[in-house]
Amino acid sequence: LISNSRLAELGLSLRILMAMSQGPMTTIMLQAGGEKTALVDAQVFDAEGRPWPTTFTRHESSGPERSCQVAVVGRPKPPFSLGLLVSGLGASVSVPVQLEHVPVGGGK
C-alpha cells in the first residue's frame, strides 16, 4: 500500500500489485480504490527527476477498486517518482508520490 496523506485526503487508496522490467519496457501495475475519486493518468520520473515516456491504462470494473497499468519505454533509474492525476467531484488535483525500494524483476 502506498501511504501518502495527500492520497488519503482525496479518499484514494493506491497499492502496487507488480513492477517489472522486460525488454525495452518497465511496467507498474497499480490497484486504485476510492468511492468519490479516480486515478486518471500517471507520469513516471527517474531518480534525477526526468520524465520518461509513460503510457497509462485504466481497467474498468464494477466496484470501487480499479487496476491500472503504467508502462514506460526504457528503464528509468530508480527510485521512481509518480506524478498522478486524480479526478473526483468535478475537480482534478496532481499528487506527487515517490516510490522507493520497489523491486523490479527482469522478465525472460
PDB file of N, CA and C in Angstrom:
ATOM      1  N   LEU A   1       0.848  -1.181   0.000  1.00  0.00           N
ATOM      2  CA  LEU A   1       0.000   0.000   0.000  1.00  0.00           C
ATOM      3  C   LEU A   1       0.889   1.238   0.000  1.00  0.00           C
ATOM      4  N   ILE A   2       0.584   2.193  -0.854  1.00  0.00           N
ATOM      5  CA  ILE A   2       1.310   3.456  -0.862  1.00  0.00           C
ATOM      6  C   ILE A   2       0.607   4.373   0.125  1.00  0.00           C
ATOM      7  N   SER A   3       1.299   4.711   1.191  1.00  0.00           N
ATOM      8  CA  SER A   3       0.677   5.591   2.186  1.00  0.00           C
ATOM      9  C   SER A   3       1.176   7.011   1.963  1.00  0.00           C
ATOM     10  N   ASN A   4       0.240   7.899   1.711  1.00  0.00           N
ATOM     11  CA  ASN A   4       0.543   9.295   1.478  1.00  0.00           C
ATOM     12  C   ASN A   4      -0.654  10.096   1.957  1.00  0.00           C
ATOM     13  N   SER A   5      -0.407  11.092   2.795  1.00  0.00           N
ATOM     14  CA  SER A   5      -1.509  11.859   3.372  1.00  0.00           C
ATOM     15  C   SER A   5      -2.346  12.555   2.302  1.00  0.00           C
ATOM     16  N   ARG A   6      -1.734  12.990   1.198  1.00  0.00           N
ATOM     17  CA  ARG A   6      -2.492  13.642   0.121  1.00  0.00           C
ATOM     18  C   ARG A   6      -3.491  12.676  -0.523  1.00  0.00           C
ATOM     19  N   LEU A   7      -3.070  11.420  -0.695  1.00  0.00           N
ATOM     20  CA  LEU A   7      -3.990  10.429  -1.254  1.00  0.00           C
ATOM     21  C   LEU A   7      -5.154  10.190  -0.299  1.00  0.00           C
ATOM     22  N   ALA A   8      -4.850  10.085   0.989  1.00  0.00           N
ATOM     23  CA  ALA A   8      -5.900   9.873   1.990  1.00  0.00           C
ATOM     24  C   ALA A   8      -6.881  11.048   2.009  1.00  0.00           C
ATOM     25  N   GLU A   9      -6.370  12.282   1.887  1.00  0.00           N
ATOM     26  CA  GLU A   9      -7.238  13.468   1.850  1.00  0.00           C
ATOM     27  C   GLU A   9      -8.207  13.403   0.683  1.00  0.00           C
ATOM     28  N   LEU A  10      -7.764  12.831  -0.419  1.00  0.00           N
ATOM     29  CA  LEU A  10      -8.599  12.727  -1.612  1.00  0.00           C
ATOM     30  C   LEU A  10      -9.511  11.504  -1.586  1.00  0.00           C
ATOM     31  N   GLY A  11      -9.342  10.648  -0.583  1.00  0.00           N
ATOM     32  CA  GLY A  11     -10.155   9.444  -0.497  1.00  0.00           C
ATOM     33  C   GLY A  11      -9.736   8.375  -1.488  1.00  0.00           C
ATOM     34  N   LEU A  12      -8.453   8.343  -1.830  1.00  0.00           N
ATOM     35  CA  LEU A  12      -7.948   7.386  -2.813  1.00  0.00           C
ATOM     36  C   LEU A  12      -6.919   6.479  -2.147  1.00  0.00           C
ATOM     37  N   SER A  13      -7.075   5.179  -2.346  1.00  0.00           N
ATOM     38  CA  SER A  13      -6.059   4.232  -1.892  1.00  0.00           C
ATOM     39  C   SER A  13      -5.316   3.735  -3.125  1.00  0.00           C
ATOM     40  N   LEU A  14      -4.026   3.477  -2.956  1.00  0.00           N
ATOM     41  CA  LEU A  14      -3.185   3.068  -4.077  1.00  0.00           C
ATOM     42  C   LEU A  14      -2.247   1.967  -3.615  1.00  0.00           C
ATOM     43  N   ARG A  15      -2.240   0.873  -4.349  1.00  0.00           N
ATOM     44  CA  ARG A  15      -1.420  -0.285  -3.995  1.00  0.00           C
ATOM     45  C   ARG A  15      -0.638  -0.730  -5.236  1.00  0.00           C
ATOM     46  N   ILE A  16       0.633  -1.059  -5.056  1.00  0.00           N
ATOM     47  CA  ILE A  16       1.435  -1.614  -6.148  1.00  0.00           C
ATOM     48  C   ILE A  16       1.198  -3.117  -6.178  1.00  0.00           C
ATOM     49  N   LEU A  17       0.694  -3.605  -7.284  1.00  0.00           N
ATOM     50  CA  LEU A  17       0.463  -5.035  -7.442  1.00  0.00           C
ATOM     51  C   LEU A  17       1.693  -5.743  -7.991  1.00  0.00           C
ATOM     52  N   MET A  18       2.419  -5.058  -8.913  1.00  0.00           N
ATOM     53  CA  MET A  18       3.561  -5.662  -9.557  1.00  0.00           C
ATOM     54  C   MET A  18       4.374  -4.584 -10.256  1.00  0.00           C
ATOM     55  N   ALA A  19       5.679  -4.753 -10.280  1.00  0.00           N
ATOM     56  CA  ALA A  19       6.561  -3.876 -11.050  1.00  0.00           C
ATOM     57  C   ALA A  19       7.653  -4.740 -11.666  1.00  0.00           C
ATOM     58  N   MET A  20       7.916  -4.532 -12.960  1.00  0.00           N
ATOM     59  CA  MET A  20       8.951  -5.340 -13.614  1.00  0.00           C
ATOM     60  C   MET A  20       9.497  -4.641 -14.847  1.00  0.00           C
ATOM     61  N   SER A  21      10.711  -5.012 -15.204  1.00  0.00           N
ATOM     62  CA  SER A  21      11.327  -4.577 -16.453  1.00  0.00           C
ATOM     63  C   SER A  21      11.461  -5.799 -17.332  1.00  0.00           C
ATOM     64  N   GLN A  22      10.986  -5.670 -18.566  1.00  0.00           N
ATOM     65  CA  GLN A  22      11.081  -6.764 -19.515  1.00  0.00           C
ATOM     66  C   GLN A  22      11.359  -6.169 -20.875  1.00  0.00           C
ATOM     67  N   GLY A  23      12.486  -6.555 -21.454  1.00  0.00           N
ATOM     68  CA  GLY A  23      12.864  -5.987 -22.738  1.00  0.00           C
ATOM     69  C   GLY A  23      13.009  -4.480 -22.618  1.00  0.00           C
ATOM     70  N   PRO A  24      12.419  -3.733 -23.549  1.00  0.00           N
ATOM     71  CA  PRO A  24      12.556  -2.271 -23.510  1.00  0.00           C
ATOM     72  C   PRO A  24      11.492  -1.570 -22.663  1.00  0.00           C
ATOM     73  N   MET A  25      10.704  -2.322 -21.868  1.00  0.00           N
ATOM     74  CA  MET A  25       9.600  -1.716 -21.115  1.00  0.00           C
ATOM     75  C   MET A  25       9.751  -1.932 -19.612  1.00  0.00           C
ATOM     76  N   THR A  26       9.330  -0.946 -18.857  1.00  0.00           N
ATOM     77  CA  THR A  26       9.155  -1.071 -17.416  1.00  0.00           C
ATOM     78  C   THR A  26       7.666  -0.920 -17.159  1.00  0.00           C
ATOM     79  N   THR A  27       7.089  -1.860 -16.422  1.00  0.00           N
ATOM     80  CA  THR A  27       5.654  -1.872 -16.190  1.00  0.00           C
ATOM     81  C   THR A  27       5.366  -1.871 -14.695  1.00  0.00           C
ATOM     82  N   ILE A  28       4.420  -1.043 -14.290  1.00  0.00           N
ATOM     83  CA  ILE A  28       3.959  -0.996 -12.907  1.00  0.00           C
ATOM     84  C   ILE A  28       2.450  -1.210 -12.930  1.00  0.00           C
ATOM     85  N   MET A  29       1.983  -2.224 -12.220  1.00  0.00           N
ATOM     86  CA  MET A  29       0.551  -2.479 -12.092  1.00  0.00           C
ATOM     87  C   MET A  29       0.099  -1.928 -10.743  1.00  0.00           C
ATOM     88  N   LEU A  30      -0.933  -1.109 -10.761  1.00  0.00           N
ATOM     89  CA  LEU A  30      -1.463  -0.488  -9.554  1.00  0.00           C
ATOM     90  C   LEU A  30      -2.914  -0.891  -9.349  1.00  0.00           C
ATOM     91  N   GLN A  31      -3.340  -0.860  -8.108  1.00  0.00           N
ATOM     92  CA  GLN A  31      -4.757  -1.009  -7.784  1.00  0.00           C
ATOM     93  C   GLN A  31      -5.175   0.271  -7.085  1.00  0.00           C
ATOM     94  N   ALA A  32      -6.138   0.963  -7.664  1.00  0.00           N
ATOM     95  CA  ALA A  32      -6.616   2.231  -7.114  1.00  0.00           C
ATOM     96  C   ALA A  32      -8.035   2.042  -6.626  1.00  0.00           C
ATOM     97  N   GLY A  33      -8.303   2.545  -5.434  1.00  0.00           N
ATOM     98  CA  GLY A  33      -9.646   2.433  -4.871  1.00  0.00           C
ATOM     99  C   GLY A  33     -10.116   3.763  -4.333  1.00  0.00           C
ATOM    100  N   GLY A  34     -11.383   4.014  -4.461  1.00  0.00           N
ATOM    101  CA  GLY A  34     -11.966   5.242  -3.948  1.00  0.00           C
ATOM    102  C   GLY A  34     -13.393   5.378  -4.441  1.00  0.00           C
ATOM    103  N   GLU A  35     -14.278   5.737  -3.559  1.00  0.00           N
ATOM    104  CA  GLU A  35     -15.687   5.896  -3.924  1.00  0.00           C
ATOM    105  C   GLU A  35     -15.943   7.178  -4.709  1.00  0.00           C
ATOM    106  N   LYS A  36     -15.238   8.265  -4.370  1.00  0.00           N
ATOM    107  CA  LYS A  36     -15.533   9.573  -4.959  1.00  0.00           C
ATOM    108  C   LYS A  36     -14.417  10.099  -5.854  1.00  0.00           C
ATOM    109  N   THR A  37     -13.317   9.368  -5.958  1.00  0.00           N
ATOM    110  CA  THR A  37     -12.202   9.816  -6.778  1.00  0.00           C
ATOM    111  C   THR A  37     -11.711   8.677  -7.657  1.00  0.00           C
ATOM    112  N   ALA A  38     -10.982   9.030  -8.700  1.00  0.00           N
ATOM    113  CA  ALA A  38     -10.424   8.027  -9.599  1.00  0.00           C
ATOM    114  C   ALA A  38      -9.062   8.492 -10.077  1.00  0.00           C
ATOM    115  N   LEU A  39      -8.167   7.547 -10.273  1.00  0.00           N
ATOM    116  CA  LEU A  39      -6.864   7.818 -10.856  1.00  0.00           C
ATOM    117  C   LEU A  39      -7.064   7.906 -12.362  1.00  0.00           C
ATOM    118  N   VAL A  40      -6.676   9.034 -12.973  1.00  0.00           N
ATOM    119  CA  VAL A  40      -6.958   9.276 -14.383  1.00  0.00           C
ATOM    120  C   VAL A  40      -5.717   9.170 -15.262  1.00  0.00           C
ATOM    121  N   ASP A  41      -4.546   9.519 -14.719  1.00  0.00           N
ATOM    122  CA  ASP A  41      -3.329   9.489 -15.515  1.00  0.00           C
ATOM    123  C   ASP A  41      -2.130   9.433 -14.590  1.00  0.00           C
ATOM    124  N   ALA A  42      -0.981   9.041 -15.134  1.00  0.00           N
ATOM    125  CA  ALA A  42       0.248   8.969 -14.353  1.00  0.00           C
ATOM    126  C   ALA A  42       1.433   9.308 -15.246  1.00  0.00           C
ATOM    127  N   GLN A  43       2.487   9.841 -14.633  1.00  0.00           N
ATOM    128  CA  GLN A  43       3.734  10.156 -15.316  1.00  0.00           C
ATOM    129  C   GLN A  43       4.874   9.654 -14.446  1.00  0.00           C
ATOM    130  N   VAL A  44       5.802   8.893 -15.036  1.00  0.00           N
ATOM    131  CA  VAL A  44       6.956   8.373 -14.303  1.00  0.00           C
ATOM    132  C   VAL A  44       8.143   9.309 -14.484  1.00  0.00           C
ATOM    133  N   PHE A  45       8.830   9.559 -13.359  1.00  0.00           N
ATOM    134  CA  PHE A  45      10.062  10.346 -13.339  1.00  0.00           C
ATOM    135  C   PHE A  45      11.158   9.466 -12.762  1.00  0.00           C
ATOM    136  N   ASP A  46      12.396   9.612 -13.253  1.00  0.00           N
ATOM    137  CA  ASP A  46      13.503   8.804 -12.729  1.00  0.00           C
ATOM    138  C   ASP A  46      14.101   9.452 -11.485  1.00  0.00           C
ATOM    139  N   ALA A  47      15.172   8.874 -10.979  1.00  0.00           N
ATOM    140  CA  ALA A  47      15.798   9.346  -9.739  1.00  0.00           C
ATOM    141  C   ALA A  47      16.290  10.791  -9.836  1.00  0.00           C
ATOM    142  N   GLU A  48      16.605  11.257 -11.052  1.00  0.00           N
ATOM    143  CA  GLU A  48      17.051  12.640 -11.241  1.00  0.00           C
ATOM    144  C   GLU A  48      15.892  13.593 -11.521  1.00  0.00           C
ATOM    145  N   GLY A  49      14.669  13.083 -11.530  1.00  0.00           N
ATOM    146  CA  GLY A  49      13.501  13.934 -11.755  1.00  0.00           C
ATOM    147  C   GLY A  49      13.144  14.128 -13.217  1.00  0.00           C
ATOM    148  N   ARG A  50      13.789  13.382 -14.117  1.00  0.00           N
ATOM    149  CA  ARG A  50      13.479  13.492 -15.548  1.00  0.00           C
ATOM    150  C   ARG A  50      12.241  12.667 -15.884  1.00  0.00           C
ATOM    151  N   PRO A  51      11.313  13.233 -16.666  1.00  0.00           N
ATOM    152  CA  PRO A  51      10.128  12.468 -17.085  1.00  0.00           C
ATOM    153  C   PRO A  51      10.509  11.440 -18.153  1.00  0.00           C
ATOM    154  N   TRP A  52       9.825  10.310 -18.131  1.00  0.00           N
ATOM    155  CA  TRP A  52      10.026   9.262 -19.120  1.00  0.00           C
ATOM    156  C   TRP A  52       8.723   9.062 -19.893  1.00  0.00           C
ATOM    157  N   PRO A  53       8.816   8.661 -21.174  1.00  0.00           N
ATOM    158  CA  PRO A  53       7.592   8.407 -21.942  1.00  0.00           C
ATOM    159  C   PRO A  53       6.737   7.367 -21.220  1.00  0.00           C
ATOM    160  N   THR A  54       5.545   7.757 -20.835  1.00  0.00           N
ATOM    161  CA  THR A  54       4.684   6.925 -19.989  1.00  0.00           C
ATOM    162  C   THR A  54       3.332   6.721 -20.652  1.00  0.00           C
ATOM    163  N   THR A  55       2.857   5.478 -20.600  1.00  0.00           N
ATOM    164  CA  THR A  55       1.511   5.150 -21.062  1.00  0.00           C
ATOM    165  C   THR A  55       0.700   4.687 -19.866  1.00  0.00           C
ATOM    166  N   PHE A  56      -0.498   5.241 -19.710  1.00  0.00           N
ATOM    167  CA  PHE A  56      -1.366   4.897 -18.598  1.00  0.00           C
ATOM    168  C   PHE A  56      -2.620   4.226 -19.133  1.00  0.00           C
ATOM    169  N   THR A  57      -2.962   3.065 -18.574  1.00  0.00           N
ATOM    170  CA  THR A  57      -4.170   2.355 -18.968  1.00  0.00           C
ATOM    171  C   THR A  57      -4.959   2.013 -17.713  1.00  0.00           C
ATOM    172  N   ARG A  58      -6.206   2.434 -17.684  1.00  0.00           N
ATOM    173  CA  ARG A  58      -7.079   2.126 -16.546  1.00  0.00           C
ATOM    174  C   ARG A  58      -8.052   1.046 -16.985  1.00  0.00           C
ATOM    175  N   HIS A  59      -8.156  -0.011 -16.176  1.00  0.00           N
ATOM    176  CA  HIS A  59      -9.055  -1.124 -16.465  1.00  0.00           C
ATOM    177  C   HIS A  59     -10.330  -0.917 -15.661  1.00  0.00           C
ATOM    178  N   GLU A  60     -11.439  -0.809 -16.341  1.00  0.00           N
ATOM    179  CA  GLU A  60     -12.721  -0.542 -15.689  1.00  0.00           C
ATOM    180  C   GLU A  60     -13.197  -1.773 -14.919  1.00  0.00           C
ATOM    181  N   SER A  61     -13.892  -1.505 -13.833  1.00  0.00           N
ATOM    182  CA  SER A  61     -14.525  -2.579 -13.066  1.00  0.00           C
ATOM    183  C   SER A  61     -15.812  -2.034 -12.469  1.00  0.00           C
ATOM    184  N   SER A  62     -16.641  -2.936 -11.988  1.00  0.00           N
ATOM    185  CA  SER A  62     -17.926  -2.505 -11.436  1.00  0.00           C
ATOM    186  C   SER A  62     -17.801  -2.033  -9.993  1.00  0.00           C
ATOM    187  N   GLY A  63     -16.733  -2.372  -9.311  1.00  0.00           N
ATOM    188  CA  GLY A  63     -16.550  -1.990  -7.909  1.00  0.00           C
ATOM    189  C   GLY A  63     -15.738  -0.718  -7.763  1.00  0.00           C
ATOM    190  N   PRO A  64     -15.459  -0.320  -6.527  1.00  0.00           N
ATOM    191  CA  PRO A  64     -14.711   0.906  -6.276  1.00  0.00           C
ATOM    192  C   PRO A  64     -13.211   0.774  -6.552  1.00  0.00           C
ATOM    193  N   GLU A  65     -12.686  -0.460  -6.695  1.00  0.00           N
ATOM    194  CA  GLU A  65     -11.259  -0.646  -6.958  1.00  0.00           C
ATOM    195  C   GLU A  65     -11.035  -0.951  -8.426  1.00  0.00           C
ATOM    196  N   ARG A  66     -10.039  -0.293  -8.992  1.00  0.00           N
ATOM    197  CA  ARG A  66      -9.710  -0.482 -10.403  1.00  0.00           C
ATOM    198  C   ARG A  66      -8.223  -0.763 -10.527  1.00  0.00           C
ATOM    199  N   SER A  67      -7.877  -1.637 -11.457  1.00  0.00           N
ATOM    200  CA  SER A  67      -6.460  -1.853 -11.713  1.00  0.00           C
ATOM    201  C   SER A  67      -6.022  -0.927 -12.835  1.00  0.00           C
ATOM    202  N   CYS A  68      -4.774  -0.488 -12.747  1.00  0.00           N
ATOM    203  CA  CYS A  68      -4.196   0.434 -13.723  1.00  0.00           C
ATOM    204  C   CYS A  68      -2.813  -0.083 -14.097  1.00  0.00           C
ATOM    205  N   GLN A  69      -2.422   0.181 -15.324  1.00  0.00           N
ATOM    206  CA  GLN A  69      -1.084  -0.183 -15.776  1.00  0.00           C
ATOM    207  C   GLN A  69      -0.352   1.068 -16.193  1.00  0.00           C
ATOM    208  N   VAL A  70       0.853   1.226 -15.668  1.00  0.00           N
ATOM    209  CA  VAL A  70       1.728   2.322 -16.053  1.00  0.00           C
ATOM    210  C   VAL A  70       2.914   1.684 -16.768  1.00  0.00           C
ATOM    211  N   ALA A  71       3.083   2.002 -18.049  1.00  0.00           N
ATOM    212  CA  ALA A  71       4.167   1.420 -18.842  1.00  0.00           C
ATOM    213  C   ALA A  71       5.117   2.524 -19.282  1.00  0.00           C
ATOM    214  N   VAL A  72       6.406   2.234 -19.164  1.00  0.00           N
ATOM    215  CA  VAL A  72       7.448   3.204 -19.501  1.00  0.00           C
ATOM    216  C   VAL A  72       8.372   2.579 -20.534  1.00  0.00           C
ATOM    217  N   VAL A  73       8.654   3.325 -21.589  1.00  0.00           N
ATOM    218  CA  VAL A  73       9.609   2.866 -22.587  1.00  0.00           C
ATOM    219  C   VAL A  73      11.002   3.097 -22.013  1.00  0.00           C
ATOM    220  N   GLY A  74      11.737   2.021 -21.774  1.00  0.00           N
ATOM    221  CA  GLY A  74      13.083   2.120 -21.223  1.00  0.00           C
ATOM    222  C   GLY A  74      13.124   1.672 -19.773  1.00  0.00           C
ATOM    223  N   ARG A  75      14.261   1.904 -19.162  1.00  0.00           N
ATOM    224  CA  ARG A  75      14.473   1.509 -17.768  1.00  0.00           C
ATOM    225  C   ARG A  75      14.979   2.711 -16.980  1.00  0.00           C
ATOM    226  N   PRO A  76      14.064   3.539 -16.498  1.00  0.00           N
ATOM    227  CA  PRO A  76      14.485   4.708 -15.732  1.00  0.00           C
ATOM    228  C   PRO A  76      15.197   4.295 -14.453  1.00  0.00           C
ATOM    229  N   LYS A  77      16.165   5.120 -14.046  1.00  0.00           N
ATOM    230  CA  LYS A  77      16.933   4.847 -12.834  1.00  0.00           C
ATOM    231  C   LYS A  77      16.034   5.012 -11.614  1.00  0.00           C
ATOM    232  N   PRO A  78      15.915   3.950 -10.775  1.00  0.00           N
ATOM    233  CA  PRO A  78      15.099   4.071  -9.560  1.00  0.00           C
ATOM    234  C   PRO A  78      15.834   4.887  -8.495  1.00  0.00           C
ATOM    235  N   PRO A  79      15.159   5.410  -7.508  1.00  0.00           N
ATOM    236  CA  PRO A  79      13.743   5.235  -7.252  1.00  0.00           C
ATOM    237  C   PRO A  79      12.918   6.112  -8.193  1.00  0.00           C
ATOM    238  N   PHE A  80      11.787   5.567  -8.629  1.00  0.00           N
ATOM    239  CA  PHE A  80      10.877   6.301  -9.491  1.00  0.00           C
ATOM    240  C   PHE A  80      10.029   7.251  -8.655  1.00  0.00           C
ATOM    241  N   SER A  81       9.579   8.293  -9.301  1.00  0.00           N
ATOM    242  CA  SER A  81       8.535   9.147  -8.741  1.00  0.00           C
ATOM    243  C   SER A  81       7.369   9.078  -9.706  1.00  0.00           C
ATOM    244  N   LEU A  82       6.170   9.161  -9.166  1.00  0.00           N
ATOM    245  CA  LEU A  82       4.977   9.158  -9.997  1.00  0.00           C
ATOM    246  C   LEU A  82       4.259  10.480  -9.835  1.00  0.00           C
ATOM    247  N   GLY A  83       3.919  11.108 -10.949  1.00  0.00           N
ATOM    248  CA  GLY A  83       3.014  12.234 -10.934  1.00  0.00           C
ATOM    249  C   GLY A  83       1.645  11.673 -11.263  1.00  0.00           C
ATOM    250  N   LEU A  84       0.655  11.915 -10.415  1.00  0.00           N
ATOM    251  CA  LEU A  84      -0.670  11.333 -10.602  1.00  0.00           C
ATOM    252  C   LEU A  84      -1.695  12.413 -10.867  1.00  0.00           C
ATOM    253  N   LEU A  85      -2.630  12.126 -11.753  1.00  0.00           N
ATOM    254  CA  LEU A  85      -3.777  12.998 -11.980  1.00  0.00           C
ATOM    255  C   LEU A  85      -4.992  12.262 -11.428  1.00  0.00           C
ATOM    256  N   VAL A  86      -5.623  12.886 -10.434  1.00  0.00           N
ATOM    257  CA  VAL A  86      -6.768  12.291  -9.748  1.00  0.00           C
ATOM    258  C   VAL A  86      -7.985  13.159 -10.023  1.00  0.00           C
ATOM    259  N   SER A  87      -9.115  12.516 -10.336  1.00  0.00           N
ATOM    260  CA  SER A  87     -10.327  13.255 -10.635  1.00  0.00           C
ATOM    261  C   SER A  87     -11.438  12.807  -9.689  1.00  0.00           C
ATOM    262  N   GLY A  88     -12.264  13.770  -9.293  1.00  0.00           N
ATOM    263  CA  GLY A  88     -13.403  13.431  -8.451  1.00  0.00           C
ATOM    264  C   GLY A  88     -14.245  14.646  -8.170  1.00  0.00           C
ATOM    265  N   LEU A  89     -15.546  14.464  -8.185  1.00  0.00           N
ATOM    266  CA  LEU A  89     -16.488  15.531  -7.884  1.00  0.00           C
ATOM    267  C   LEU A  89     -16.219  16.799  -8.695  1.00  0.00           C
ATOM    268  N   GLY A  90     -15.804  16.627  -9.950  1.00  0.00           N
ATOM    269  CA  GLY A  90     -15.606  17.769 -10.830  1.00  0.00           C
ATOM    270  C   GLY A  90     -14.276  18.474 -10.692  1.00  0.00           C
ATOM    271  N   ALA A  91     -13.371  17.996  -9.825  1.00  0.00           N
ATOM    272  CA  ALA A  91     -12.080  18.656  -9.634  1.00  0.00           C
ATOM    273  C   ALA A  91     -10.958  17.678  -9.941  1.00  0.00           C
ATOM    274  N   SER A  92      -9.819  18.185 -10.389  1.00  0.00           N
ATOM    275  CA  SER A  92      -8.626  17.380 -10.621  1.00  0.00           C
ATOM    276  C   SER A  92      -7.468  17.999  -9.872  1.00  0.00           C
ATOM    277  N   VAL A  93      -6.655  17.158  -9.251  1.00  0.00           N
ATOM    278  CA  VAL A  93      -5.506  17.618  -8.481  1.00  0.00           C
ATOM    279  C   VAL A  93      -4.328  16.722  -8.809  1.00  0.00           C
ATOM    280  N   SER A  94      -3.150  17.295  -9.060  1.00  0.00           N
ATOM    281  CA  SER A  94      -1.949  16.494  -9.254  1.00  0.00           C
ATOM    282  C   SER A  94      -1.364  16.180  -7.893  1.00  0.00           C
ATOM    283  N   VAL A  95      -1.039  14.906  -7.664  1.00  0.00           N
ATOM    284  CA  VAL A  95      -0.494  14.474  -6.386  1.00  0.00           C
ATOM    285  C   VAL A  95       0.829  13.769  -6.647  1.00  0.00           C
ATOM    286  N   PRO A  96       1.978  14.377  -6.299  1.00  0.00           N
ATOM    287  CA  PRO A  96       3.254  13.690  -6.494  1.00  0.00           C
ATOM    288  C   PRO A  96       3.456  12.642  -5.405  1.00  0.00           C
ATOM    289  N   VAL A  97       3.845  11.442  -5.807  1.00  0.00           N
ATOM    290  CA  VAL A  97       4.110  10.362  -4.868  1.00  0.00           C
ATOM    291  C   VAL A  97       5.428   9.725  -5.277  1.00  0.00           C
ATOM    292  N   GLN A  98       6.353   9.544  -4.334  1.00  0.00           N
ATOM    293  CA  GLN A  98       7.630   8.916  -4.640  1.00  0.00           C
ATOM    294  C   GLN A  98       7.596   7.474  -4.185  1.00  0.00           C
ATOM    295  N   LEU A  99       7.962   6.563  -5.082  1.00  0.00           N
ATOM    296  CA  LEU A  99       8.056   5.145  -4.762  1.00  0.00           C
ATOM    297  C   LEU A  99       9.517   4.811  -4.557  1.00  0.00           C
ATOM    298  N   GLU A 100       9.828   4.194  -3.442  1.00  0.00           N
ATOM    299  CA  GLU A 100      11.195   3.785  -3.177  1.00  0.00           C
ATOM    300  C   GLU A 100      11.218   2.311  -2.826  1.00  0.00           C
ATOM    301  N   HIS A 101      12.329   1.687  -3.116  1.00  0.00           N
ATOM    302  CA  HIS A 101      12.581   0.287  -2.753  1.00  0.00           C
ATOM    303  C   HIS A 101      11.526  -0.641  -3.339  1.00  0.00           C
ATOM    304  N   VAL A 102      11.146  -0.404  -4.585  1.00  0.00           N
ATOM    305  CA  VAL A 102      10.210  -1.281  -5.281  1.00  0.00           C
ATOM    306  C   VAL A 102      11.051  -2.199  -6.153  1.00  0.00           C
ATOM    307  N   PRO A 103      11.076  -3.499  -5.832  1.00  0.00           N
ATOM    308  CA  PRO A 103      11.877  -4.408  -6.662  1.00  0.00           C
ATOM    309  C   PRO A 103      11.260  -4.538  -8.039  1.00  0.00           C
ATOM    310  N   VAL A 104      12.101  -4.430  -9.055  1.00  0.00           N
ATOM    311  CA  VAL A 104      11.656  -4.567 -10.427  1.00  0.00           C
ATOM    312  C   VAL A 104      12.349  -5.794 -10.987  1.00  0.00           C
ATOM    313  N   GLY A 105      11.582  -6.877 -11.175  1.00  0.00           N
ATOM    314  CA  GLY A 105      12.148  -8.137 -11.653  1.00  0.00           C
ATOM    315  C   GLY A 105      12.324  -8.142 -13.147  1.00  0.00           C
ATOM    316  N   GLY A 106      13.387  -8.726 -13.605  1.00  0.00           N
ATOM    317  CA  GLY A 106      13.627  -8.855 -15.036  1.00  0.00           C
ATOM    318  C   GLY A 106      12.873 -10.046 -15.579  1.00  0.00           C
ATOM    319  N   GLY A 107      12.147  -9.878 -16.658  1.00  0.00           N
ATOM    320  CA  GLY A 107      11.401 -10.971 -17.269  1.00  0.00           C
ATOM    321  C   GLY A 107      12.252 -11.727 -18.250  1.00  0.00           C
ATOM    322  N   LYS A 108      11.795 -12.873 -18.619  1.00  0.00           N
ATOM    323  CA  LYS A 108      12.544 -13.680 -19.598  1.00  0.00           C
ATOM    324  C   LYS A 108      11.740 -13.834 -20.844  1.00  0.00           C
TER     325      LYS A 108
END
